[in-house]
Amino acid sequence: MRPETIPIRSRQKFLWRSAVTVSLVSAFLCTAALAAIDARGPVGKWRTIDDDSGKPRAIVEIDSSDGELHGKIVKLLNQPADAPPPVCDECEGPRHGKPVLGMTVLWGLAKDGDEWTDGKILDPESGDVYDASIQLSEDGQTLKVRGYLGISLLGRTQTWQRVSTTQGEDERQG
């Protein structure tokens, strides 16, 4: 049959069914994309930003094991080429004098609703360890990292940015 010989009612049904099918497929794909972001959660690589200069400071890789999140520094950014690798001189215990690169600076975070809580975060410059919680943005591209003493009101929040796989670890932002 040629299209002009198909009754109008049949063409309308076909177009309506096509529109419904396209809508359902689109909704499924959007749901699958959001589920992928949620499934990955905060696991991945994150760019930290210096509070004073606003420049990228390090790449922290967050991983999960035994239901808890932990993060280690995998790359230092904006370091002078001639500077010696930084060590944690102010840290106490087994971290004292150890290289900052490769150091675990975030640990013990457990999922609690929309955030991960009851963890610890280390400031390698001061050697201080704080209570920590993190919360992933809806789009999965930023992470609110809160370090505090005792109660969450007594602390500060940093916003870390997800490092896309296309940026990799070789970014040289200044």
C-alpha atoms as a PDB file:
ATOM      1  CA  MET A   1       0.000   0.000   0.000  1.00  0.00           C
ATOM      2  CA  ARG A   2       1.132   3.480  -0.762  1.00  0.00           C
ATOM      3  CA  PRO A   3       1.070   5.979   2.138  1.00  0.00           C
ATOM      4  CA  GLU A   4      -1.631   8.117   0.525  1.00  0.00           C
ATOM      5  CA  THR A   5      -3.942   5.085   0.314  1.00  0.00           C
ATOM      6  CA  ILE A   6      -3.678   4.281   4.059  1.00  0.00           C
ATOM      7  CA  PRO A   7      -6.718   5.617   5.897  1.00  0.00           C
ATOM      8  CA  ILE A   8      -6.087   8.744   7.973  1.00  0.00           C
ATOM      9  CA  ARG A   9      -7.185   6.987  11.188  1.00  0.00           C
ATOM     10  CA  SER A  10      -4.541   4.266  10.677  1.00  0.00           C
ATOM     11  CA  ARG A  11      -1.830   6.860  10.024  1.00  0.00           C
ATOM     12  CA  GLN A  12      -2.828   8.721  13.194  1.00  0.00           C
ATOM     13  CA  LYS A  13      -2.634   5.486  15.242  1.00  0.00           C
ATOM     14  CA  PHE A  14       0.780   4.727  13.782  1.00  0.00           C
ATOM     15  CA  LEU A  15       2.101   8.216  14.574  1.00  0.00           C
ATOM     16  CA  TRP A  16       0.639   8.101  18.089  1.00  0.00           C
ATOM     17  CA  ARG A  17       2.200   4.671  18.776  1.00  0.00           C
ATOM     18  CA  SER A  18       5.536   5.895  17.404  1.00  0.00           C
ATOM     19  CA  ALA A  19       5.462   8.958  19.672  1.00  0.00           C
ATOM     20  CA  VAL A  20       4.627   6.822  22.716  1.00  0.00           C
ATOM     21  CA  THR A  21       7.431   4.383  21.886  1.00  0.00           C
ATOM     22  CA  VAL A  22       9.973   7.181  21.489  1.00  0.00           C
ATOM     23  CA  SER A  23       8.827   8.735  24.791  1.00  0.00           C
ATOM     24  CA  LEU A  24       9.116   5.434  26.665  1.00  0.00           C
ATOM     25  CA  VAL A  25      12.569   4.697  25.249  1.00  0.00           C
ATOM     26  CA  SER A  26      13.735   8.236  26.142  1.00  0.00           C
ATOM     27  CA  ALA A  27      12.404   7.898  29.694  1.00  0.00           C
ATOM     28  CA  PHE A  28      14.137   4.535  30.073  1.00  0.00           C
ATOM     29  CA  LEU A  29      17.469   5.912  28.839  1.00  0.00           C
ATOM     30  CA  CYS A  30      17.271   8.924  31.188  1.00  0.00           C
ATOM     31  CA  THR A  31      16.456   6.651  34.129  1.00  0.00           C
ATOM     32  CA  ALA A  32      19.341   4.345  33.224  1.00  0.00           C
ATOM     33  CA  ALA A  33      21.752   7.311  33.049  1.00  0.00           C
ATOM     34  CA  LEU A  34      20.642   8.598  36.455  1.00  0.00           C
ATOM     35  CA  ALA A  35      20.925   5.100  37.926  1.00  0.00           C
ATOM     36  CA  ALA A  36      24.473   4.837  36.565  1.00  0.00           C
ATOM     37  CA  ILE A  37      25.427   8.102  38.289  1.00  0.00           C
ATOM     38  CA  ASP A  38      23.826   6.945  41.541  1.00  0.00           C
ATOM     39  CA  ALA A  39      25.411   3.487  41.313  1.00  0.00           C
ATOM     40  CA  ARG A  40      28.852   5.023  40.939  1.00  0.00           C
ATOM     41  CA  GLY A  41      28.120   7.514  43.707  1.00  0.00           C
ATOM     42  CA  PRO A  42      31.230   9.261  44.993  1.00  0.00           C
ATOM     43  CA  VAL A  43      33.558   6.490  43.817  1.00  0.00           C
ATOM     44  CA  GLY A  44      36.001   7.965  41.318  1.00  0.00           C
ATOM     45  CA  LYS A  45      38.549  10.742  41.006  1.00  0.00           C
ATOM     46  CA  TRP A  46      37.943  14.209  42.429  1.00  0.00           C
ATOM     47  CA  ARG A  47      39.782  17.514  42.031  1.00  0.00           C
ATOM     48  CA  THR A  48      40.256  19.359  45.304  1.00  0.00           C
ATOM     49  CA  ILE A  49      40.414  23.141  45.321  1.00  0.00           C
ATOM     50  CA  ASP A  50      42.692  25.236  47.550  1.00  0.00           C
ATOM     51  CA  ASP A  51      40.607  27.326  49.962  1.00  0.00           C
ATOM     52  CA  ASP A  52      42.916  30.364  49.736  1.00  0.00           C
ATOM     53  CA  SER A  53      43.957  30.518  46.069  1.00  0.00           C
ATOM     54  CA  GLY A  54      40.939  28.825  44.485  1.00  0.00           C
ATOM     55  CA  LYS A  55      43.310  26.748  42.338  1.00  0.00           C
ATOM     56  CA  PRO A  56      43.171  22.976  41.889  1.00  0.00           C
ATOM     57  CA  ARG A  57      45.265  21.322  44.565  1.00  0.00           C
ATOM     58  CA  ALA A  58      45.139  17.546  44.177  1.00  0.00           C
ATOM     59  CA  ILE A  59      43.315  14.596  42.703  1.00  0.00           C
ATOM     60  CA  VAL A  60      41.792  12.316  45.328  1.00  0.00           C
ATOM     61  CA  GLU A  61      40.604   8.882  44.278  1.00  0.00           C
ATOM     62  CA  ILE A  62      37.650   7.636  46.316  1.00  0.00           C
ATOM     63  CA  ASP A  63      37.069   3.905  46.467  1.00  0.00           C
ATOM     64  CA  SER A  64      34.752   1.617  48.384  1.00  0.00           C
ATOM     65  CA  SER A  65      35.484  -1.501  50.389  1.00  0.00           C
ATOM     66  CA  ASP A  66      33.401  -3.308  52.990  1.00  0.00           C
ATOM     67  CA  GLY A  67      30.621  -0.721  52.546  1.00  0.00           C
ATOM     68  CA  GLU A  68      32.869   2.194  53.494  1.00  0.00           C
ATOM     69  CA  LEU A  69      34.468   4.893  51.393  1.00  0.00           C
ATOM     70  CA  HIS A  70      38.110   5.886  51.571  1.00  0.00           C
ATOM     71  CA  GLY A  71      40.134   8.326  49.494  1.00  0.00           C
ATOM     72  CA  LYS A  72      43.806   8.781  48.754  1.00  0.00           C
ATOM     73  CA  ILE A  73      45.786  11.466  46.996  1.00  0.00           C
ATOM     74  CA  VAL A  74      46.805  10.153  43.564  1.00  0.00           C
ATOM     75  CA  LYS A  75      48.128  13.381  42.030  1.00  0.00           C
ATOM     76  CA  LEU A  76      49.359  16.736  43.290  1.00  0.00           C
ATOM     77  CA  LEU A  77      48.551  19.721  41.068  1.00  0.00           C
ATOM     78  CA  ASN A  78      50.270  23.089  40.675  1.00  0.00           C
ATOM     79  CA  GLN A  79      53.460  21.967  42.386  1.00  0.00           C
ATOM     80  CA  PRO A  80      56.682  23.778  41.425  1.00  0.00           C
ATOM     81  CA  ALA A  81      58.794  21.475  39.264  1.00  0.00           C
ATOM     82  CA  ASP A  82      61.873  21.967  41.454  1.00  0.00           C
ATOM     83  CA  ALA A  83      60.062  21.454  44.791  1.00  0.00           C
ATOM     84  CA  PRO A  84      60.731  18.246  46.707  1.00  0.00           C
ATOM     85  CA  PRO A  85      57.730  15.933  47.080  1.00  0.00           C
ATOM     86  CA  PRO A  86      55.739  17.103  50.125  1.00  0.00           C
ATOM     87  CA  VAL A  87      55.649  14.952  53.234  1.00  0.00           C
ATOM     88  CA  CYS A  88      53.290  15.094  56.189  1.00  0.00           C
ATOM     89  CA  ASP A  89      55.653  16.553  58.815  1.00  0.00           C
ATOM     90  CA  GLU A  90      52.759  17.588  61.064  1.00  0.00           C
ATOM     91  CA  CYS A  91      51.057  14.169  61.018  1.00  0.00           C
ATOM     92  CA  GLU A  92      51.271  11.966  64.069  1.00  0.00           C
ATOM     93  CA  GLY A  93      51.826   8.224  64.225  1.00  0.00           C
ATOM     94  CA  PRO A  94      52.499   6.147  61.120  1.00  0.00           C
ATOM     95  CA  ARG A  95      51.794   9.054  58.722  1.00  0.00           C
ATOM     96  CA  HIS A  96      54.511  11.285  60.206  1.00  0.00           C
ATOM     97  CA  GLY A  97      57.111  12.171  57.582  1.00  0.00           C
ATOM     98  CA  LYS A  98      55.417  10.072  54.884  1.00  0.00           C
ATOM     99  CA  PRO A  99      54.826  11.364  51.332  1.00  0.00           C
ATOM    100  CA  VAL A 100      51.511  13.131  50.827  1.00  0.00           C
ATOM    101  CA  LEU A 101      51.206  11.563  47.374  1.00  0.00           C
ATOM    102  CA  GLY A 102      49.547   8.176  47.872  1.00  0.00           C
ATOM    103  CA  MET A 103      48.403   9.030  51.410  1.00  0.00           C
ATOM    104  CA  THR A 104      44.893   8.044  52.524  1.00  0.00           C
ATOM    105  CA  VAL A 105      43.226  11.276  53.597  1.00  0.00           C
ATOM    106  CA  LEU A 106      39.572  10.183  53.805  1.00  0.00           C
ATOM    107  CA  TRP A 107      38.253   7.009  55.430  1.00  0.00           C
ATOM    108  CA  GLY A 108      35.411   5.322  57.285  1.00  0.00           C
ATOM    109  CA  LEU A 109      32.469   6.974  55.493  1.00  0.00           C
ATOM    110  CA  ALA A 110      29.248   4.932  55.519  1.00  0.00           C
ATOM    111  CA  LYS A 111      26.113   5.641  53.463  1.00  0.00           C
ATOM    112  CA  ASP A 112      23.354   7.346  55.435  1.00  0.00           C
ATOM    113  CA  GLY A 113      20.448   8.375  53.215  1.00  0.00           C
ATOM    114  CA  ASP A 114      21.658  10.966  50.699  1.00  0.00           C
ATOM    115  CA  GLU A 115      25.106  11.347  52.244  1.00  0.00           C
ATOM    116  CA  TRP A 116      28.030   9.413  53.646  1.00  0.00           C
ATOM    117  CA  THR A 117      28.805  10.095  57.302  1.00  0.00           C
ATOM    118  CA  ASP A 118      30.836   9.027  60.329  1.00  0.00           C
ATOM    119  CA  GLY A 119      34.154   9.232  58.496  1.00  0.00           C
ATOM    120  CA  LYS A 120      37.441  10.988  59.060  1.00  0.00           C
ATOM    121  CA  ILE A 121      39.444  13.389  56.911  1.00  0.00           C
ATOM    122  CA  LEU A 122      43.101  14.353  57.265  1.00  0.00           C
ATOM    123  CA  ASP A 123      44.530  17.767  56.444  1.00  0.00           C
ATOM    124  CA  PRO A 124      48.101  16.849  55.367  1.00  0.00           C
ATOM    125  CA  GLU A 125      49.326  20.419  55.901  1.00  0.00           C
ATOM    126  CA  SER A 126      48.360  20.627  59.560  1.00  0.00           C
ATOM    127  CA  GLY A 127      48.285  16.903  60.364  1.00  0.00           C
ATOM    128  CA  ASP A 128      44.838  17.418  61.919  1.00  0.00           C
ATOM    129  CA  VAL A 129      42.176  14.736  61.592  1.00  0.00           C
ATOM    130  CA  TYR A 130      38.523  15.816  61.532  1.00  0.00           C
ATOM    131  CA  ASP A 131      35.172  14.064  61.516  1.00  0.00           C
ATOM    132  CA  ALA A 132      33.849  14.004  57.952  1.00  0.00           C
ATOM    133  CA  SER A 133      30.723  13.670  55.857  1.00  0.00           C
ATOM    134  CA  ILE A 134      30.219  13.965  52.111  1.00  0.00           C
ATOM    135  CA  GLN A 135      27.247  14.588  49.856  1.00  0.00           C
ATOM    136  CA  LEU A 136      27.089  14.030  46.103  1.00  0.00           C
ATOM    137  CA  SER A 137      25.323  16.588  43.898  1.00  0.00           C
ATOM    138  CA  GLU A 138      22.284  15.467  41.916  1.00  0.00           C
ATOM    139  CA  ASP A 139      24.235  15.476  38.652  1.00  0.00           C
ATOM    140  CA  GLY A 140      27.111  13.515  40.234  1.00  0.00           C
ATOM    141  CA  GLN A 141      29.715  16.112  39.228  1.00  0.00           C
ATOM    142  CA  THR A 142      30.446  17.808  42.558  1.00  0.00           C
ATOM    143  CA  LEU A 143      30.996  16.497  46.046  1.00  0.00           C
ATOM    144  CA  LYS A 144      30.434  18.530  49.209  1.00  0.00           C
ATOM    145  CA  VAL A 145      33.130  17.421  51.672  1.00  0.00           C
ATOM    146  CA  ARG A 146      32.598  18.592  55.238  1.00  0.00           C
ATOM    147  CA  GLY A 147      35.270  18.368  57.917  1.00  0.00           C
ATOM    148  CA  TYR A 148      34.289  19.243  61.466  1.00  0.00           C
ATOM    149  CA  LEU A 149      35.073  18.866  65.151  1.00  0.00           C
ATOM    150  CA  GLY A 150      32.438  16.976  67.115  1.00  0.00           C
ATOM    151  CA  ILE A 151      29.328  18.500  65.572  1.00  0.00           C
ATOM    152  CA  SER A 152      28.865  19.384  61.930  1.00  0.00           C
ATOM    153  CA  LEU A 153      28.175  23.050  62.735  1.00  0.00           C
ATOM    154  CA  LEU A 154      31.802  23.467  63.812  1.00  0.00           C
ATOM    155  CA  GLY A 155      33.577  22.924  60.533  1.00  0.00           C
ATOM    156  CA  ARG A 156      33.930  23.865  56.911  1.00  0.00           C
ATOM    157  CA  THR A 157      32.812  22.479  53.581  1.00  0.00           C
ATOM    158  CA  GLN A 158      34.844  22.147  50.398  1.00  0.00           C
ATOM    159  CA  THR A 159      33.402  21.428  46.972  1.00  0.00           C
ATOM    160  CA  TRP A 160      35.356  18.838  45.013  1.00  0.00           C
ATOM    161  CA  GLN A 161      34.863  18.426  41.260  1.00  0.00           C
ATOM    162  CA  ARG A 162      34.621  15.065  39.533  1.00  0.00           C
ATOM    163  CA  VAL A 163      37.494  14.383  37.161  1.00  0.00           C
ATOM    164  CA  SER A 164      36.027  13.011  33.953  1.00  0.00           C
ATOM    165  CA  THR A 165      37.708  10.044  32.322  1.00  0.00           C
ATOM    166  CA  THR A 166      38.655  12.272  29.379  1.00  0.00           C
ATOM    167  CA  GLN A 167      40.569  14.629  31.678  1.00  0.00           C
ATOM    168  CA  GLY A 168      42.390  11.790  33.379  1.00  0.00           C
ATOM    169  CA  GLU A 169      45.163  12.393  35.861  1.00  0.00           C
ATOM    170  CA  ASP A 170      47.318  14.423  33.486  1.00  0.00           C
ATOM    171  CA  GLU A 171      45.423  17.681  33.803  1.00  0.00           C
ATOM    172  CA  ARG A 172      47.633  20.696  34.344  1.00  0.00           C
ATOM    173  CA  GLN A 173      45.200  23.368  35.465  1.00  0.00           C
ATOM    174  CA  GLY A 174      46.706  26.466  36.974  1.00  0.00           C
END
